[in-house]
PDB file of all heavy atoms in Angstrom:
ATOM      1  N   ARG A   1       3.620   8.040  36.053  1.00  0.00           N
ATOM      2  CA  ARG A   1       4.224   7.878  34.596  1.00  0.00           C
ATOM      3  C   ARG A   1       3.843   8.991  33.691  1.00  0.00           C
ATOM      4  O   ARG A   1       4.520   9.400  32.957  1.00  0.00           O
ATOM      5  CB  ARG A   1       3.665   6.478  34.065  1.00  0.00           C
ATOM      6  CG  ARG A   1       4.067   5.307  34.859  1.00  0.00           C
ATOM      7  CD  ARG A   1       5.590   5.102  34.864  1.00  0.00           C
ATOM      8  NE  ARG A   1       6.201   5.813  35.984  1.00  0.00           N
ATOM      9  CZ  ARG A   1       7.373   6.457  35.945  1.00  0.00           C
ATOM     10  NH1 ARG A   1       8.106   6.456  34.858  1.00  0.00           N
ATOM     11  NH2 ARG A   1       7.910   7.001  36.993  1.00  0.00           N
ATOM     12  N   ILE A   2       2.581   9.435  33.814  1.00  0.00           N
ATOM     13  CA  ILE A   2       2.127  10.550  32.901  1.00  0.00           C
ATOM     14  C   ILE A   2       2.870  11.843  33.177  1.00  0.00           C
ATOM     15  O   ILE A   2       3.249  12.522  32.290  1.00  0.00           O
ATOM     16  CB  ILE A   2       0.544  10.773  32.983  1.00  0.00           C
ATOM     17  CG1 ILE A   2      -0.237   9.529  32.549  1.00  0.00           C
ATOM     18  CG2 ILE A   2       0.194  12.029  32.141  1.00  0.00           C
ATOM     19  CD1 ILE A   2      -0.008   9.128  31.204  1.00  0.00           C
ATOM     20  N   ALA A   3       3.144  12.141  34.502  1.00  0.00           N
ATOM     21  CA  ALA A   3       3.846  13.264  34.797  1.00  0.00           C
ATOM     22  C   ALA A   3       5.254  13.217  34.317  1.00  0.00           C
ATOM     23  O   ALA A   3       5.850  14.285  33.892  1.00  0.00           O
ATOM     24  CB  ALA A   3       3.813  13.373  36.393  1.00  0.00           C
ATOM     25  N   TYR A   4       5.918  11.951  34.407  1.00  0.00           N
ATOM     26  CA  TYR A   4       7.250  11.773  33.928  1.00  0.00           C
ATOM     27  C   TYR A   4       7.328  11.972  32.393  1.00  0.00           C
ATOM     28  O   TYR A   4       8.151  12.740  31.991  1.00  0.00           O
ATOM     29  CB  TYR A   4       7.706  10.359  34.302  1.00  0.00           C
ATOM     30  CG  TYR A   4       9.071  10.042  33.796  1.00  0.00           C
ATOM     31  CD1 TYR A   4      10.167  10.264  34.501  1.00  0.00           C
ATOM     32  CD2 TYR A   4       9.291   9.413  32.473  1.00  0.00           C
ATOM     33  CE1 TYR A   4      11.406  10.086  34.048  1.00  0.00           C
ATOM     34  CE2 TYR A   4      10.478   9.067  32.056  1.00  0.00           C
ATOM     35  CZ  TYR A   4      11.562   9.320  32.763  1.00  0.00           C
ATOM     36  OH  TYR A   4      12.828   9.074  32.365  1.00  0.00           O
ATOM     37  N   ILE A   5       6.398  11.458  31.783  1.00  0.00           N
ATOM     38  CA  ILE A   5       6.403  11.631  30.295  1.00  0.00           C
ATOM     39  C   ILE A   5       6.102  13.099  29.882  1.00  0.00           C
ATOM     40  O   ILE A   5       6.591  13.482  28.801  1.00  0.00           O
ATOM     41  CB  ILE A   5       5.430  10.686  29.539  1.00  0.00           C
ATOM     42  CG1 ILE A   5       5.826   9.149  29.773  1.00  0.00           C
ATOM     43  CG2 ILE A   5       5.285  10.971  28.039  1.00  0.00           C
ATOM     44  CD1 ILE A   5       4.764   8.168  29.300  1.00  0.00           C
ATOM     45  N   SER A   6       5.284  13.719  30.698  1.00  0.00           N
ATOM     46  CA  SER A   6       4.883  15.020  30.318  1.00  0.00           C
ATOM     47  C   SER A   6       6.097  16.087  30.308  1.00  0.00           C
ATOM     48  O   SER A   6       5.984  17.117  29.744  1.00  0.00           O
ATOM     49  CB  SER A   6       3.828  15.572  31.324  1.00  0.00           C
ATOM     50  OG  SER A   6       2.640  14.862  31.209  1.00  0.00           O
ATOM     51  N   ILE A   7       7.130  15.704  31.096  1.00  0.00           N
ATOM     52  CA  ILE A   7       8.371  16.530  31.130  1.00  0.00           C
ATOM     53  C   ILE A   7       8.792  16.883  29.630  1.00  0.00           C
ATOM     54  O   ILE A   7       9.075  17.939  29.247  1.00  0.00           O
ATOM     55  CB  ILE A   7       9.424  15.955  31.951  1.00  0.00           C
ATOM     56  CG1 ILE A   7       9.001  15.894  33.379  1.00  0.00           C
ATOM     57  CG2 ILE A   7      10.722  16.719  31.875  1.00  0.00           C
ATOM     58  CD1 ILE A   7       9.946  15.192  34.338  1.00  0.00           C
ATOM     59  N   GLY A   8       9.157  15.827  28.892  1.00  0.00           N
ATOM     60  CA  GLY A   8       9.573  15.832  27.542  1.00  0.00           C
ATOM     61  C   GLY A   8       8.572  16.529  26.568  1.00  0.00           C
ATOM     62  O   GLY A   8       9.015  17.304  25.749  1.00  0.00           O
ATOM     63  N   VAL A   9       7.257  16.213  26.760  1.00  0.00           N
ATOM     64  CA  VAL A   9       6.292  16.907  25.961  1.00  0.00           C
ATOM     65  C   VAL A   9       6.233  18.459  26.167  1.00  0.00           C
ATOM     66  O   VAL A   9       6.220  19.080  25.189  1.00  0.00           O
ATOM     67  CB  VAL A   9       4.827  16.224  26.349  1.00  0.00           C
ATOM     68  CG1 VAL A   9       3.790  17.004  25.575  1.00  0.00           C
ATOM     69  CG2 VAL A   9       4.798  14.754  25.988  1.00  0.00           C
ATOM     70  N   LEU A  10       6.344  18.842  27.437  1.00  0.00           N
ATOM     71  CA  LEU A  10       6.332  20.316  27.635  1.00  0.00           C
ATOM     72  C   LEU A  10       7.690  20.893  27.124  1.00  0.00           C
ATOM     73  O   LEU A  10       7.538  22.147  26.764  1.00  0.00           O
ATOM     74  CB  LEU A  10       6.247  20.546  29.173  1.00  0.00           C
ATOM     75  CG  LEU A  10       4.851  20.133  29.738  1.00  0.00           C
ATOM     76  CD1 LEU A  10       4.904  20.200  31.321  1.00  0.00           C
ATOM     77  CD2 LEU A  10       3.800  21.258  29.370  1.00  0.00           C
ATOM     78  N   VAL A  11       8.757  20.321  27.267  1.00  0.00           N
ATOM     79  CA  VAL A  11      10.037  20.856  26.614  1.00  0.00           C
ATOM     80  C   VAL A  11       9.871  20.955  25.222  1.00  0.00           C
ATOM     81  O   VAL A  11      10.194  21.994  24.606  1.00  0.00           O
ATOM     82  CB  VAL A  11      11.138  19.907  26.974  1.00  0.00           C
ATOM     83  CG1 VAL A  11      12.415  20.234  26.160  1.00  0.00           C
ATOM     84  CG2 VAL A  11      11.492  19.976  28.462  1.00  0.00           C
ATOM     85  N   PHE A  12       9.336  19.996  24.586  1.00  0.00           N
ATOM     86  CA  PHE A  12       9.146  20.025  23.030  1.00  0.00           C
ATOM     87  C   PHE A  12       8.209  21.161  22.648  1.00  0.00           C
ATOM     88  O   PHE A  12       8.460  22.067  21.768  1.00  0.00           O
ATOM     89  CB  PHE A  12       8.614  18.778  22.529  1.00  0.00           C
ATOM     90  CG  PHE A  12       8.384  18.793  21.088  1.00  0.00           C
ATOM     91  CD1 PHE A  12       9.318  18.567  20.122  1.00  0.00           C
ATOM     92  CD2 PHE A  12       7.081  18.847  20.595  1.00  0.00           C
ATOM     93  CE1 PHE A  12       9.128  18.557  18.791  1.00  0.00           C
ATOM     94  CE2 PHE A  12       6.730  18.968  19.194  1.00  0.00           C
ATOM     95  CZ  PHE A  12       7.854  18.659  18.339  1.00  0.00           C
ATOM     96  N   TYR A  13       6.984  21.307  23.311  1.00  0.00           N
ATOM     97  CA  TYR A  13       6.106  22.302  22.874  1.00  0.00           C
ATOM     98  C   TYR A  13       6.569  23.673  23.319  1.00  0.00           C
ATOM     99  O   TYR A  13       6.214  24.668  22.670  1.00  0.00           O
ATOM    100  CB  TYR A  13       4.602  21.971  23.349  1.00  0.00           C
ATOM    101  CG  TYR A  13       3.962  20.967  22.532  1.00  0.00           C
ATOM    102  CD1 TYR A  13       3.807  19.567  22.913  1.00  0.00           C
ATOM    103  CD2 TYR A  13       3.344  21.310  21.284  1.00  0.00           C
ATOM    104  CE1 TYR A  13       3.105  18.633  22.141  1.00  0.00           C
ATOM    105  CE2 TYR A  13       2.681  20.397  20.497  1.00  0.00           C
ATOM    106  CZ  TYR A  13       2.692  19.060  20.855  1.00  0.00           C
ATOM    107  OH  TYR A  13       1.970  18.130  20.087  1.00  0.00           O
ATOM    108  N   GLY A  14       7.334  23.730  24.421  1.00  0.00           N
ATOM    109  CA  GLY A  14       7.773  25.069  24.913  1.00  0.00           C
ATOM    110  C   GLY A  14       8.713  25.532  23.853  1.00  0.00           C
ATOM    111  O   GLY A  14       8.862  26.744  23.553  1.00  0.00           O
ATOM    112  N   ALA A  15       9.518  24.703  23.311  1.00  0.00           N
ATOM    113  CA  ALA A  15      10.510  25.124  22.194  1.00  0.00           C
ATOM    114  C   ALA A  15       9.970  25.599  20.881  1.00  0.00           C
ATOM    115  O   ALA A  15      10.439  26.431  20.169  1.00  0.00           O
ATOM    116  CB  ALA A  15      11.448  23.862  21.992  1.00  0.00           C
ATOM    117  N   MET A  16       8.715  24.971  20.681  1.00  0.00           N
ATOM    118  CA  MET A  16       8.043  25.324  19.444  1.00  0.00           C
ATOM    119  C   MET A  16       7.681  26.842  19.353  1.00  0.00           C
ATOM    120  O   MET A  16       7.349  27.328  18.230  1.00  0.00           O
ATOM    121  CB  MET A  16       6.787  24.413  19.138  1.00  0.00           C
ATOM    122  CG  MET A  16       7.186  23.052  18.633  1.00  0.00           C
ATOM    123  SD  MET A  16       5.720  21.952  18.598  1.00  0.00           S
ATOM    124  CE  MET A  16       4.758  22.789  17.368  1.00  0.00           C
ATOM    125  N   TYR A  17       7.408  27.422  20.511  1.00  0.00           N
ATOM    126  CA  TYR A  17       7.013  28.856  20.656  1.00  0.00           C
ATOM    127  C   TYR A  17       7.955  29.826  19.916  1.00  0.00           C
ATOM    128  O   TYR A  17       7.602  30.731  19.238  1.00  0.00           O
ATOM    129  CB  TYR A  17       6.681  29.164  21.950  1.00  0.00           C
ATOM    130  CG  TYR A  17       5.247  29.057  22.379  1.00  0.00           C
ATOM    131  CD1 TYR A  17       4.709  27.842  22.788  1.00  0.00           C
ATOM    132  CD2 TYR A  17       4.367  30.213  22.411  1.00  0.00           C
ATOM    133  CE1 TYR A  17       3.348  27.647  23.147  1.00  0.00           C
ATOM    134  CE2 TYR A  17       3.076  30.025  22.836  1.00  0.00           C
ATOM    135  CZ  TYR A  17       2.579  28.794  23.076  1.00  0.00           C
ATOM    136  OH  TYR A  17       1.320  28.557  23.503  1.00  0.00           O
ATOM    137  N   ASN A  18       9.224  29.593  20.203  1.00  0.00           N
ATOM    138  CA  ASN A  18      10.227  30.649  19.902  1.00  0.00           C
ATOM    139  C   ASN A  18      11.369  30.186  19.088  1.00  0.00           C
ATOM    140  O   ASN A  18      12.086  30.980  18.541  1.00  0.00           O
ATOM    141  CB  ASN A  18      10.951  31.139  21.254  1.00  0.00           C
ATOM    142  CG  ASN A  18       9.853  31.737  22.060  1.00  0.00           C
ATOM    143  OD1 ASN A  18       8.933  32.302  21.796  1.00  0.00           O
ATOM    144  ND2 ASN A  18       9.934  31.437  23.543  1.00  0.00           N
ATOM    145  N   ILE A  19      11.492  28.891  18.699  1.00  0.00           N
ATOM    146  CA  ILE A  19      12.586  28.479  17.880  1.00  0.00           C
ATOM    147  C   ILE A  19      12.101  28.297  16.461  1.00  0.00           C
ATOM    148  O   ILE A  19      11.215  27.439  16.176  1.00  0.00           O
ATOM    149  CB  ILE A  19      13.233  27.156  18.380  1.00  0.00           C
ATOM    150  CG1 ILE A  19      13.734  27.226  19.807  1.00  0.00           C
ATOM    151  CG2 ILE A  19      14.222  26.648  17.600  1.00  0.00           C
ATOM    152  CD1 ILE A  19      14.244  26.014  20.469  1.00  0.00           C
ATOM    153  N   PRO A  20      12.706  29.150  15.488  1.00  0.00           N
ATOM    154  CA  PRO A  20      12.116  29.237  14.242  1.00  0.00           C
ATOM    155  C   PRO A  20      12.080  27.804  13.496  1.00  0.00           C
ATOM    156  O   PRO A  20      11.085  27.420  12.755  1.00  0.00           O
ATOM    157  CB  PRO A  20      13.194  30.015  13.486  1.00  0.00           C
ATOM    158  CG  PRO A  20      13.682  30.954  14.537  1.00  0.00           C
ATOM    159  CD  PRO A  20      13.859  29.972  15.663  1.00  0.00           C
ATOM    160  N   GLU A  21      13.133  26.861  13.766  1.00  0.00           N
ATOM    161  CA  GLU A  21      13.127  25.642  13.044  1.00  0.00           C
ATOM    162  C   GLU A  21      12.069  24.785  13.535  1.00  0.00           C
ATOM    163  O   GLU A  21      11.584  23.836  12.831  1.00  0.00           O
ATOM    164  CB  GLU A  21      14.450  24.945  13.397  1.00  0.00           C
ATOM    165  CG  GLU A  21      15.664  25.643  12.576  1.00  0.00           C
ATOM    166  CD  GLU A  21      16.400  26.628  13.569  1.00  0.00           C
ATOM    167  OE1 GLU A  21      15.631  27.093  14.463  1.00  0.00           O
ATOM    168  OE2 GLU A  21      17.523  26.925  13.327  1.00  0.00           O
ATOM    169  N   LEU A  22      11.504  25.015  14.675  1.00  0.00           N
ATOM    170  CA  LEU A  22      10.376  24.168  15.231  1.00  0.00           C
ATOM    171  C   LEU A  22       9.009  24.777  15.134  1.00  0.00           C
ATOM    172  O   LEU A  22       7.992  24.139  15.310  1.00  0.00           O
ATOM    173  CB  LEU A  22      10.713  23.803  16.722  1.00  0.00           C
ATOM    174  CG  LEU A  22      11.919  22.879  16.920  1.00  0.00           C
ATOM    175  CD1 LEU A  22      12.012  22.609  18.499  1.00  0.00           C
ATOM    176  CD2 LEU A  22      11.601  21.488  16.314  1.00  0.00           C
ATOM    177  N   ALA A  23       8.986  26.233  14.981  1.00  0.00           N
ATOM    178  CA  ALA A  23       7.738  26.913  15.053  1.00  0.00           C
ATOM    179  C   ALA A  23       6.764  26.513  14.036  1.00  0.00           C
ATOM    180  O   ALA A  23       5.577  26.572  14.285  1.00  0.00           O
ATOM    181  CB  ALA A  23       8.106  28.501  14.894  1.00  0.00           C
ATOM    182  N   GLY A  24       7.290  25.987  12.899  1.00  0.00           N
ATOM    183  CA  GLY A  24       6.273  25.663  11.916  1.00  0.00           C
ATOM    184  C   GLY A  24       5.879  24.223  11.932  1.00  0.00           C
ATOM    185  O   GLY A  24       5.053  23.689  11.139  1.00  0.00           O
ATOM    186  N   THR A  25       6.431  23.507  12.938  1.00  0.00           N
ATOM    187  CA  THR A  25       6.095  22.066  13.137  1.00  0.00           C
ATOM    188  C   THR A  25       4.664  21.824  13.644  1.00  0.00           C
ATOM    189  O   THR A  25       4.292  22.411  14.692  1.00  0.00           O
ATOM    190  CB  THR A  25       7.206  21.382  14.086  1.00  0.00           C
ATOM    191  OG1 THR A  25       8.485  21.707  13.575  1.00  0.00           O
ATOM    192  CG2 THR A  25       7.010  19.882  14.140  1.00  0.00           C
ATOM    193  N   HIS A  26       3.984  20.996  13.083  1.00  0.00           N
ATOM    194  CA  HIS A  26       2.637  20.580  13.647  1.00  0.00           C
ATOM    195  C   HIS A  26       2.615  19.151  13.964  1.00  0.00           C
ATOM    196  O   HIS A  26       2.625  18.329  13.119  1.00  0.00           O
ATOM    197  CB  HIS A  26       1.595  20.913  12.579  1.00  0.00           C
ATOM    198  CG  HIS A  26       1.568  22.365  12.216  1.00  0.00           C
ATOM    199  ND1 HIS A  26       0.878  23.370  12.970  1.00  0.00           N
ATOM    200  CD2 HIS A  26       1.997  23.050  11.106  1.00  0.00           C
ATOM    201  CE1 HIS A  26       1.044  24.497  12.434  1.00  0.00           C
ATOM    202  NE2 HIS A  26       1.542  24.383  11.199  1.00  0.00           N
ATOM    203  N   VAL A  27       2.628  18.844  15.186  1.00  0.00           N
ATOM    204  CA  VAL A  27       2.709  17.526  15.697  1.00  0.00           C
ATOM    205  C   VAL A  27       1.667  17.357  16.740  1.00  0.00           C
ATOM    206  O   VAL A  27       1.497  18.086  17.713  1.00  0.00           O
ATOM    207  CB  VAL A  27       4.068  17.255  16.411  1.00  0.00           C
ATOM    208  CG1 VAL A  27       4.218  15.729  16.827  1.00  0.00           C
ATOM    209  CG2 VAL A  27       5.241  17.475  15.419  1.00  0.00           C
ATOM    210  N   ASP A  28       0.793  16.319  16.509  1.00  0.00           N
ATOM    211  CA  ASP A  28      -0.284  15.976  17.398  1.00  0.00           C
ATOM    212  C   ASP A  28       0.417  15.655  18.798  1.00  0.00           C
ATOM    213  O   ASP A  28       1.396  14.947  18.933  1.00  0.00           O
ATOM    214  CB  ASP A  28      -1.133  14.809  17.023  1.00  0.00           C
ATOM    215  CG  ASP A  28      -2.334  14.628  17.790  1.00  0.00           C
ATOM    216  OD1 ASP A  28      -3.290  15.234  17.565  1.00  0.00           O
ATOM    217  OD2 ASP A  28      -2.184  13.731  18.723  1.00  0.00           O
ATOM    218  N   VAL A  29      -0.313  16.239  19.983  1.00  0.00           N
ATOM    219  CA  VAL A  29       0.237  15.982  21.308  1.00  0.00           C
ATOM    220  C   VAL A  29       0.387  14.546  21.552  1.00  0.00           C
ATOM    221  O   VAL A  29       1.159  14.042  22.390  1.00  0.00           O
ATOM    222  CB  VAL A  29      -0.721  16.768  22.289  1.00  0.00           C
ATOM    223  CG1 VAL A  29      -2.105  16.219  22.418  1.00  0.00           C
ATOM    224  CG2 VAL A  29       0.025  16.792  23.721  1.00  0.00           C
ATOM    225  N   LEU A  30      -0.625  13.669  21.145  1.00  0.00           N
ATOM    226  CA  LEU A  30      -0.642  12.301  21.321  1.00  0.00           C
ATOM    227  C   LEU A  30       0.641  11.590  20.844  1.00  0.00           C
ATOM    228  O   LEU A  30       1.173  10.636  21.355  1.00  0.00           O
ATOM    229  CB  LEU A  30      -1.881  11.600  20.913  1.00  0.00           C
ATOM    230  CG  LEU A  30      -3.193  11.765  21.830  1.00  0.00           C
ATOM    231  CD1 LEU A  30      -4.395  11.048  21.118  1.00  0.00           C
ATOM    232  CD2 LEU A  30      -2.880  11.289  23.204  1.00  0.00           C
ATOM    233  N   ASP A  31       1.074  12.183  19.691  1.00  0.00           N
ATOM    234  CA  ASP A  31       2.238  11.625  18.997  1.00  0.00           C
ATOM    235  C   ASP A  31       3.445  11.882  19.937  1.00  0.00           C
ATOM    236  O   ASP A  31       4.360  10.980  20.052  1.00  0.00           O
ATOM    237  CB  ASP A  31       2.452  12.285  17.687  1.00  0.00           C
ATOM    238  CG  ASP A  31       1.529  11.860  16.459  1.00  0.00           C
ATOM    239  OD1 ASP A  31       0.961  10.798  16.738  1.00  0.00           O
ATOM    240  OD2 ASP A  31       1.369  12.461  15.473  1.00  0.00           O
ATOM    241  N   VAL A  32       3.563  13.114  20.449  1.00  0.00           N
ATOM    242  CA  VAL A  32       4.685  13.326  21.324  1.00  0.00           C
ATOM    243  C   VAL A  32       4.732  12.498  22.535  1.00  0.00           C
ATOM    244  O   VAL A  32       5.757  12.032  23.021  1.00  0.00           O
ATOM    245  CB  VAL A  32       4.714  14.869  21.715  1.00  0.00           C
ATOM    246  CG1 VAL A  32       5.994  15.187  22.401  1.00  0.00           C
ATOM    247  CG2 VAL A  32       4.573  15.763  20.361  1.00  0.00           C
ATOM    248  N   TYR A  33       3.526  12.396  23.170  1.00  0.00           N
ATOM    249  CA  TYR A  33       3.331  11.489  24.370  1.00  0.00           C
ATOM    250  C   TYR A  33       3.722  10.097  23.954  1.00  0.00           C
ATOM    251  O   TYR A  33       4.475   9.451  24.793  1.00  0.00           O
ATOM    252  CB  TYR A  33       1.953  11.536  24.907  1.00  0.00           C
ATOM    253  CG  TYR A  33       1.651  12.577  26.008  1.00  0.00           C
ATOM    254  CD1 TYR A  33       1.139  13.792  25.675  1.00  0.00           C
ATOM    255  CD2 TYR A  33       2.086  12.298  27.280  1.00  0.00           C
ATOM    256  CE1 TYR A  33       0.867  14.789  26.653  1.00  0.00           C
ATOM    257  CE2 TYR A  33       1.948  13.285  28.227  1.00  0.00           C
ATOM    258  CZ  TYR A  33       1.328  14.511  27.983  1.00  0.00           C
ATOM    259  OH  TYR A  33       1.146  15.386  28.987  1.00  0.00           O
ATOM    260  N   ALA A  34       3.351   9.571  22.844  1.00  0.00           N
ATOM    261  CA  ALA A  34       3.669   8.177  22.476  1.00  0.00           C
ATOM    262  C   ALA A  34       5.183   8.048  22.229  1.00  0.00           C
ATOM    263  O   ALA A  34       5.748   6.988  22.582  1.00  0.00           O
ATOM    264  CB  ALA A  34       2.938   7.856  21.169  1.00  0.00           C
ATOM    265  N   LEU A  35       5.845   9.082  21.612  1.00  0.00           N
ATOM    266  CA  LEU A  35       7.221   8.961  21.397  1.00  0.00           C
ATOM    267  C   LEU A  35       8.051   8.962  22.706  1.00  0.00           C
ATOM    268  O   LEU A  35       9.056   8.203  22.897  1.00  0.00           O
ATOM    269  CB  LEU A  35       7.781  10.160  20.490  1.00  0.00           C
ATOM    270  CG  LEU A  35       7.166  10.156  19.017  1.00  0.00           C
ATOM    271  CD1 LEU A  35       7.612  11.534  18.350  1.00  0.00           C
ATOM    272  CD2 LEU A  35       7.825   8.989  18.274  1.00  0.00           C
ATOM    273  N   GLU A  36       7.554   9.751  23.629  1.00  0.00           N
ATOM    274  CA  GLU A  36       8.207   9.791  24.901  1.00  0.00           C
ATOM    275  C   GLU A  36       7.923   8.461  25.679  1.00  0.00           C
ATOM    276  O   GLU A  36       8.983   7.944  26.315  1.00  0.00           O
ATOM    277  CB  GLU A  36       7.562  10.993  25.824  1.00  0.00           C
ATOM    278  CG  GLU A  36       8.150  12.313  25.677  1.00  0.00           C
ATOM    279  CD  GLU A  36       9.669  12.308  26.207  1.00  0.00           C
ATOM    280  OE1 GLU A  36       9.941  11.545  27.042  1.00  0.00           O
ATOM    281  OE2 GLU A  36      10.242  13.255  25.639  1.00  0.00           O
ATOM    282  N   ALA A  37       6.790   7.909  25.479  1.00  0.00           N
ATOM    283  CA  ALA A  37       6.521   6.614  26.155  1.00  0.00           C
ATOM    284  C   ALA A  37       7.469   5.580  25.616  1.00  0.00           C
ATOM    285  O   ALA A  37       7.976   4.648  26.226  1.00  0.00           O
ATOM    286  CB  ALA A  37       5.120   6.206  25.949  1.00  0.00           C
ATOM    287  N   TYR A  38       7.566   5.550  24.210  1.00  0.00           N
ATOM    288  CA  TYR A  38       8.519   4.498  23.551  1.00  0.00           C
ATOM    289  C   TYR A  38       9.972   4.639  23.922  1.00  0.00           C
ATOM    290  O   TYR A  38      10.703   3.603  24.165  1.00  0.00           O
ATOM    291  CB  TYR A  38       8.377   4.614  22.096  1.00  0.00           C
ATOM    292  CG  TYR A  38       7.088   4.118  21.381  1.00  0.00           C
ATOM    293  CD1 TYR A  38       6.382   4.885  20.501  1.00  0.00           C
ATOM    294  CD2 TYR A  38       6.693   2.791  21.824  1.00  0.00           C
ATOM    295  CE1 TYR A  38       5.256   4.325  20.043  1.00  0.00           C
ATOM    296  CE2 TYR A  38       5.580   2.356  21.271  1.00  0.00           C
ATOM    297  CZ  TYR A  38       4.667   3.105  20.315  1.00  0.00           C
ATOM    298  OH  TYR A  38       3.696   2.578  19.791  1.00  0.00           O
ATOM    299  N   CYS A  39      10.371   6.017  24.125  1.00  0.00           N
ATOM    300  CA  CYS A  39      11.760   6.127  24.785  1.00  0.00           C
ATOM    301  C   CYS A  39      11.957   5.545  26.179  1.00  0.00           C
ATOM    302  O   CYS A  39      12.888   4.873  26.526  1.00  0.00           O
ATOM    303  CB  CYS A  39      11.919   7.607  24.787  1.00  0.00           C
ATOM    304  SG  CYS A  39      12.194   8.497  23.299  1.00  0.00           S
ATOM    305  N   TRP A  40      10.756   5.759  27.002  1.00  0.00           N
ATOM    306  CA  TRP A  40      10.912   5.200  28.309  1.00  0.00           C
ATOM    307  C   TRP A  40      10.890   3.578  28.275  1.00  0.00           C
ATOM    308  O   TRP A  40      11.509   3.092  29.103  1.00  0.00           O
ATOM    309  CB  TRP A  40       9.636   5.885  29.065  1.00  0.00           C
ATOM    310  CG  TRP A  40       9.504   5.328  30.438  1.00  0.00           C
ATOM    311  CD1 TRP A  40      10.364   5.306  31.482  1.00  0.00           C
ATOM    312  CD2 TRP A  40       8.229   4.860  30.985  1.00  0.00           C
ATOM    313  NE1 TRP A  40       9.881   4.705  32.581  1.00  0.00           N
ATOM    314  CE2 TRP A  40       8.494   4.435  32.365  1.00  0.00           C
ATOM    315  CE3 TRP A  40       6.979   4.601  30.515  1.00  0.00           C
ATOM    316  CZ2 TRP A  40       7.480   3.908  33.184  1.00  0.00           C
ATOM    317  CZ3 TRP A  40       6.000   4.071  31.337  1.00  0.00           C
ATOM    318  CH2 TRP A  40       6.275   3.828  32.695  1.00  0.00           C
ATOM    319  N   PHE A  41       9.974   3.134  27.489  1.00  0.00           N
ATOM    320  CA  PHE A  41       9.876   1.582  27.396  1.00  0.00           C
ATOM    321  C   PHE A  41      11.239   1.023  27.093  1.00  0.00           C
ATOM    322  O   PHE A  41      11.727   0.075  27.552  1.00  0.00           O
ATOM    323  CB  PHE A  41       8.888   1.126  26.443  1.00  0.00           C
ATOM    324  CG  PHE A  41       7.403   1.594  26.633  1.00  0.00           C
ATOM    325  CD1 PHE A  41       6.609   1.799  25.604  1.00  0.00           C
ATOM    326  CD2 PHE A  41       7.069   1.921  28.004  1.00  0.00           C
ATOM    327  CE1 PHE A  41       5.389   2.235  25.834  1.00  0.00           C
ATOM    328  CE2 PHE A  41       5.801   2.393  28.205  1.00  0.00           C
ATOM    329  CZ  PHE A  41       4.867   2.457  27.124  1.00  0.00           C
ATOM    330  N   GLY A  42      11.979   1.678  26.045  1.00  0.00           N
ATOM    331  CA  GLY A  42      13.116   1.132  25.603  1.00  0.00           C
ATOM    332  C   GLY A  42      14.281   1.136  26.694  1.00  0.00           C
ATOM    333  O   GLY A  42      15.221   0.244  26.650  1.00  0.00           O
ATOM    334  N   ALA A  43      14.265   2.104  27.584  1.00  0.00           N
ATOM    335  CA  ALA A  43      15.296   2.280  28.537  1.00  0.00           C
ATOM    336  C   ALA A  43      15.253   1.125  29.542  1.00  0.00           C
ATOM    337  O   ALA A  43      16.267   0.825  30.232  1.00  0.00           O
ATOM    338  CB  ALA A  43      15.043   3.529  29.348  1.00  0.00           C
ATOM    339  N   TYR A  44      14.202   0.308  29.601  1.00  0.00           N
ATOM    340  CA  TYR A  44      14.069  -0.785  30.588  1.00  0.00           C
ATOM    341  C   TYR A  44      14.836  -2.002  30.173  1.00  0.00           C
ATOM    342  O   TYR A  44      15.032  -2.985  30.987  1.00  0.00           O
ATOM    343  CB  TYR A  44      12.579  -1.174  30.823  1.00  0.00           C
ATOM    344  CG  TYR A  44      11.918  -0.155  31.808  1.00  0.00           C
ATOM    345  CD1 TYR A  44      11.167   0.812  31.417  1.00  0.00           C
ATOM    346  CD2 TYR A  44      12.027  -0.492  33.216  1.00  0.00           C
ATOM    347  CE1 TYR A  44      10.394   1.627  32.302  1.00  0.00           C
ATOM    348  CE2 TYR A  44      11.346   0.246  34.186  1.00  0.00           C
ATOM    349  CZ  TYR A  44      10.593   1.440  33.689  1.00  0.00           C
ATOM    350  OH  TYR A  44      10.047   2.141  34.548  1.00  0.00           O
ATOM    351  N   CYS A  45      15.319  -2.054  29.007  1.00  0.00           N
ATOM    352  CA  CYS A  45      16.093  -3.261  28.605  1.00  0.00           C
ATOM    353  C   CYS A  45      17.603  -2.999  28.891  1.00  0.00           C
ATOM    354  O   CYS A  45      18.346  -4.094  28.717  1.00  0.00           O
ATOM    355  CB  CYS A  45      15.909  -3.427  27.052  1.00  0.00           C
ATOM    356  SG  CYS A  45      17.042  -2.353  26.009  1.00  0.00           S
TER     357      CYS A  45
END
């Protein structure tokens, strides 16, 4: 489950490196993991 959620986390933080609109974004890594988890939980319905 952690590996699955990490896919979206890595995509988000990888984009923050080079995309100006995201470069200044400061988001805690636990927040991104939690958001990915909530997405996954919702899909089960």
